[in-house]
């Protein structure tokens, strides 16, 4: 028996594992920073050390879960928009082929749990998963696209993600500069 929805839970598991990996790494960074500032010892006087760590882990996990879930929603929308613009498939067969690519993110999310000891490695694992999924996506939809449509689809994805990342980076830089400028120094 072959069920089309057998792997439908893989994206959720991948988001949970990626979020946990990034939360564990960020939690250790935050605790080290709090210890460096001398705030952590004061926090331990009011809360248990394990309680602080678990609360911080949950808050960071929830934050990363929201970020990765939003990124998945945006990525699915961009994938479907690119197929709308460049594919002649009207029944959604191309979309069904691409959904099997959730294995890629599941495998890389499991690897991210192992790579939690190094932040650079953790980001590299996530980016490698994104790139490999992109190549998988292109490979699966290329059968039904002309050469021009395939180039348009690739350019659409690259242009969208570059614009998205530059816009978010610019907004964060402006926010950082406004916070720094408002400090009474």
Protein backbone atom coordinates (compact mmCIF):
# COMPACT_ATOMS: atom_id res chain seq x y z
CA UNK A 1 0.00 0.00 0.00
CA UNK A 2 1.44 3.35 -1.03
CA UNK A 3 0.04 6.41 0.71
CA UNK A 4 0.78 9.87 -0.70
CA UNK A 5 0.68 11.38 2.79
CA UNK A 6 3.11 8.95 4.42
CA UNK A 7 5.86 11.57 4.65
CA UNK A 8 3.62 14.55 5.40
CA UNK A 9 4.95 14.85 8.95
CA UNK A 10 8.62 15.08 7.88
CA UNK A 11 8.65 18.89 7.53
CA UNK A 12 7.29 19.29 11.08
CA UNK A 13 9.90 16.89 12.49
CA UNK A 14 12.64 18.70 10.53
CA UNK A 15 11.50 22.09 11.86
CA UNK A 16 11.42 20.73 15.42
CA UNK A 17 14.92 19.23 15.14
CA UNK A 18 16.46 22.29 13.46
CA UNK A 19 14.83 24.53 16.07
CA UNK A 20 16.12 22.37 18.90
CA UNK A 21 19.66 22.34 17.48
CA UNK A 22 19.78 26.11 17.07
CA UNK A 23 18.15 26.63 20.48
CA UNK A 24 20.69 24.41 22.25
CA UNK A 25 23.61 26.21 20.63
CA UNK A 26 22.12 29.67 21.21
CA UNK A 27 21.26 28.76 24.80
CA UNK A 28 24.85 27.91 25.60
CA UNK A 29 25.96 31.15 23.94
CA UNK A 30 23.45 33.21 25.98
CA UNK A 31 24.41 31.51 29.25
CA UNK A 32 28.12 32.09 28.54
CA UNK A 33 27.37 35.74 27.78
CA UNK A 34 25.32 36.13 30.97
CA UNK A 35 28.17 34.58 32.98
CA UNK A 36 30.65 36.92 31.32
CA UNK A 37 28.50 39.90 32.31
CA UNK A 38 28.09 38.55 35.84
CA UNK A 39 24.31 38.37 35.63
CA UNK A 40 24.02 34.59 35.69
CA UNK A 41 25.16 34.23 39.31
CA UNK A 42 22.50 36.73 40.36
CA UNK A 43 19.85 34.84 38.43
CA UNK A 44 20.81 31.60 40.19
CA UNK A 45 19.98 33.21 43.54
CA UNK A 46 16.32 33.47 42.48
CA UNK A 47 15.91 30.47 40.16
CA UNK A 48 17.53 27.08 39.91
CA UNK A 49 20.25 26.63 37.32
CA UNK A 50 18.31 23.84 35.59
CA UNK A 51 15.16 26.01 35.57
CA UNK A 52 16.99 28.89 33.91
CA UNK A 53 18.49 26.58 31.30
CA UNK A 54 15.19 24.86 30.52
CA UNK A 55 13.26 28.13 30.32
CA UNK A 56 15.90 29.64 28.06
CA UNK A 57 15.92 26.49 25.91
CA UNK A 58 12.13 26.58 25.54
CA UNK A 59 12.02 30.29 24.67
CA UNK A 60 14.80 29.94 22.11
CA UNK A 61 13.25 26.76 20.68
CA UNK A 62 9.93 28.55 20.30
CA UNK A 63 11.64 31.50 18.60
CA UNK A 64 13.52 29.29 16.13
CA UNK A 65 10.40 27.18 15.55
CA UNK A 66 8.51 30.30 14.50
CA UNK A 67 11.38 31.43 12.23
CA UNK A 68 11.73 28.04 10.51
CA UNK A 69 7.97 27.59 10.18
CA UNK A 70 7.71 31.02 8.57
CA UNK A 71 10.61 30.21 6.27
CA UNK A 72 8.90 26.96 5.23
CA UNK A 73 5.67 28.80 4.52
CA UNK A 74 7.53 31.38 2.43
CA UNK A 75 9.52 28.67 0.62
CA UNK A 76 6.39 26.68 -0.21
CA UNK A 77 4.73 29.83 -1.52
CA UNK A 78 7.76 30.71 -3.66
CA UNK A 79 7.93 27.14 -5.01
CA UNK A 80 4.28 27.16 -5.97
CA UNK A 81 4.47 30.67 -7.43
CA UNK A 82 7.47 29.68 -9.55
CA UNK A 83 5.56 26.65 -10.80
CA UNK A 84 2.55 28.86 -11.52
CA UNK A 85 4.67 31.26 -13.55
CA UNK A 86 6.93 28.84 -15.40
CA UNK A 87 5.33 25.37 -15.48
CA UNK A 88 2.62 24.21 -17.82
CA UNK A 89 1.49 21.56 -15.32
CA UNK A 90 -2.13 22.29 -14.45
CA UNK A 91 -2.90 19.23 -12.32
CA UNK A 92 -0.14 19.64 -9.72
CA UNK A 93 1.87 16.56 -10.66
CA UNK A 94 5.13 18.51 -10.40
CA UNK A 95 4.22 19.61 -6.90
CA UNK A 96 3.62 16.00 -5.86
CA UNK A 97 7.07 15.02 -7.17
CA UNK A 98 8.72 17.83 -5.20
CA UNK A 99 7.02 16.94 -1.90
CA UNK A 100 9.18 13.83 -1.62
CA UNK A 101 12.09 16.21 -1.05
CA UNK A 102 11.06 16.54 2.59
CA UNK A 103 13.47 13.66 3.16
CA UNK A 104 16.33 16.06 2.45
CA UNK A 105 15.40 18.40 5.30
CA UNK A 106 14.66 15.50 7.63
CA UNK A 107 18.12 14.01 7.07
CA UNK A 108 19.86 17.37 7.47
CA UNK A 109 17.87 18.16 10.62
CA UNK A 110 19.10 14.91 12.15
CA UNK A 111 22.66 15.88 11.16
CA UNK A 112 22.09 19.30 12.78
CA UNK A 113 21.50 17.61 16.14
CA UNK A 114 24.99 16.15 15.84
CA UNK A 115 26.47 19.48 14.64
CA UNK A 116 25.12 21.43 17.63
CA UNK A 117 28.61 21.81 19.13
CA UNK A 118 29.74 24.30 16.48
CA UNK A 119 27.66 27.28 15.34
CA UNK A 120 29.39 27.58 11.97
CA UNK A 121 28.87 23.87 11.30
CA UNK A 122 25.22 24.15 12.36
CA UNK A 123 24.55 26.99 9.90
CA UNK A 124 26.52 25.12 7.21
CA UNK A 125 24.35 22.02 7.69
CA UNK A 126 21.17 24.08 7.36
CA UNK A 127 22.43 25.90 4.25
CA UNK A 128 23.63 22.62 2.71
CA UNK A 129 20.16 21.17 3.23
CA UNK A 130 18.61 24.21 1.55
CA UNK A 131 20.97 24.02 -1.43
CA UNK A 132 20.53 20.28 -1.90
CA UNK A 133 16.74 20.66 -1.69
CA UNK A 134 16.91 23.44 -4.28
CA UNK A 135 18.86 21.17 -6.65
CA UNK A 136 16.35 18.38 -5.97
CA UNK A 137 13.50 20.78 -6.74
CA UNK A 138 15.13 21.89 -10.01
CA UNK A 139 15.86 18.28 -11.00
CA UNK A 140 12.29 17.13 -10.38
CA UNK A 141 10.57 20.00 -12.20
CA UNK A 142 13.08 20.25 -15.07
CA UNK A 143 11.45 17.36 -16.93
CA UNK A 144 8.36 19.41 -17.71
CA UNK A 145 9.99 22.81 -18.32
CA UNK A 146 11.59 24.28 -21.38
CA UNK A 147 15.13 25.63 -21.09
CA UNK A 148 13.88 29.22 -20.91
CA UNK A 149 11.27 28.38 -18.29
CA UNK A 150 13.86 26.50 -16.25
CA UNK A 151 16.24 29.48 -16.33
CA UNK A 152 13.36 31.78 -15.37
CA UNK A 153 12.44 29.51 -12.46
CA UNK A 154 16.02 29.40 -11.18
CA UNK A 155 16.43 33.17 -11.56
CA UNK A 156 13.09 33.75 -9.80
CA UNK A 157 14.21 31.72 -6.78
CA UNK A 158 17.65 33.29 -6.58
CA UNK A 159 16.29 36.80 -6.99
CA UNK A 160 13.55 36.28 -4.40
CA UNK A 161 15.81 34.80 -1.71
CA UNK A 162 18.58 37.33 -2.30
CA UNK A 163 16.07 40.18 -2.02
CA UNK A 164 14.47 38.63 1.05
CA UNK A 165 17.80 38.11 2.86
CA UNK A 166 19.10 41.57 1.95
CA UNK A 167 15.87 43.21 3.12
CA UNK A 168 15.88 41.36 6.44
CA UNK A 169 19.58 42.12 6.94
CA UNK A 170 19.04 45.79 6.16
CA UNK A 171 16.09 46.00 8.57
CA UNK A 172 18.14 44.37 11.33
CA UNK A 173 21.03 46.76 10.69
CA UNK A 174 18.72 49.77 10.91
CA UNK A 175 17.20 48.41 14.12
CA UNK A 176 20.66 47.82 15.60
CA UNK A 177 21.83 51.30 14.65
CA UNK A 178 18.72 52.90 16.17
CA UNK A 179 19.22 51.01 19.43
CA UNK A 180 22.90 51.99 19.57
CA UNK A 181 22.08 55.63 18.75
CA UNK A 182 19.49 55.78 21.53
CA UNK A 183 21.93 54.65 24.23
CA UNK A 184 23.06 57.46 26.51
CA UNK A 185 26.81 57.28 26.04
